[in-house]
Amino acid sequence: MDLQLTAVFRKVPEGFIAYVEELPGANTQGETLEEARDNLREAALLVIEANRVLASERGGEDGDVIREPFQLSA
């Protein structure tokens, strides 16, 4: 899947803080830029997985619901 998002890194005295602009909740930190990048990759995957679990638990919407894979490429 090709989906390009924007990672933002900010230098702070303790190292770096990082977040994905388009994915609320995907944020982290690291002592080095490389550690922050690795942590952010993991945080983004965890947020997506958590959203999938929450969506599958909802299930009981009113009316007919169609769920299907959705691929987004630029």
Protein backbone atom coordinates (compact mmCIF):
# COMPACT_ATOMS: atom_id res chain seq x y z
CA MET A 1 0.00 0.00 0.00
CA ASP A 2 1.35 3.41 -0.96
CA LEU A 3 0.14 6.08 1.41
CA GLN A 4 2.39 9.03 2.05
CA LEU A 5 1.95 10.86 5.34
CA THR A 6 3.85 13.74 6.93
CA ALA A 7 6.16 13.04 9.87
CA VAL A 8 7.10 16.07 11.97
CA PHE A 9 10.17 16.05 14.23
CA ARG A 10 10.96 18.78 16.72
CA LYS A 11 14.30 19.03 18.52
CA VAL A 12 13.93 19.45 22.27
CA PRO A 13 16.57 19.35 25.02
CA GLU A 14 15.79 15.67 25.73
CA GLY A 15 16.05 14.62 22.06
CA PHE A 16 13.18 14.72 19.56
CA ILE A 17 9.41 14.67 19.70
CA ALA A 18 7.57 13.35 16.66
CA TYR A 19 4.07 13.02 15.28
CA VAL A 20 2.22 12.26 12.06
CA GLU A 21 0.24 15.31 10.93
CA GLU A 22 -2.55 13.34 9.26
CA LEU A 23 -2.93 10.66 11.94
CA PRO A 24 -4.13 11.98 15.32
CA GLY A 25 -2.71 9.98 18.19
CA ALA A 26 0.44 8.91 16.35
CA ASN A 27 3.06 10.69 18.40
CA THR A 28 6.20 9.71 20.25
CA GLN A 29 9.70 10.76 21.22
CA GLY A 30 13.27 9.56 21.03
CA GLU A 31 16.72 10.50 22.25
CA THR A 32 17.98 10.57 18.64
CA LEU A 33 16.28 11.40 15.35
CA GLU A 34 16.64 7.78 14.22
CA GLU A 35 15.05 6.50 17.44
CA ALA A 36 12.19 9.00 17.04
CA ARG A 37 11.66 7.80 13.44
CA ASP A 38 11.57 4.15 14.49
CA ASN A 39 9.22 4.92 17.39
CA LEU A 40 6.93 6.97 15.12
CA ARG A 41 6.65 4.14 12.60
CA GLU A 42 5.58 1.82 15.42
CA ALA A 43 3.18 4.41 16.90
CA ALA A 44 1.47 4.95 13.52
CA LEU A 45 0.98 1.21 13.02
CA LEU A 46 -0.41 0.86 16.55
CA VAL A 47 -2.90 3.70 16.02
CA ILE A 48 -4.11 2.16 12.76
CA GLU A 49 -4.46 -1.27 14.36
CA ALA A 50 -6.30 0.17 17.39
CA ASN A 51 -8.70 1.99 15.06
CA ARG A 52 -9.38 -1.26 13.19
CA VAL A 53 -10.19 -3.06 16.44
CA LEU A 54 -12.46 -0.26 17.62
CA ALA A 55 -14.26 -0.17 14.27
CA SER A 56 -14.83 -3.93 14.28
CA GLU A 57 -16.21 -3.79 17.84
CA ARG A 58 -18.74 -1.10 16.89
CA GLY A 59 -20.41 -3.30 14.32
CA GLY A 60 -24.04 -2.56 15.25
CA GLU A 61 -24.72 0.50 13.10
CA ASP A 62 -28.26 1.12 11.90
CA GLY A 63 -29.05 0.19 8.31
CA ASP A 64 -27.03 -1.67 5.74
CA VAL A 65 -23.27 -1.32 6.03
CA ILE A 66 -20.73 -2.24 3.38
CA ARG A 67 -17.11 -2.71 4.41
CA GLU A 68 -14.41 -3.24 1.82
CA PRO A 69 -10.67 -2.73 1.41
CA PHE A 70 -9.74 0.81 0.47
CA GLN A 71 -6.36 1.63 -1.04
CA LEU A 72 -5.23 5.21 -1.34
CA SER A 73 -2.43 6.22 -3.67
CA ALA A 74 -1.34 9.66 -4.72
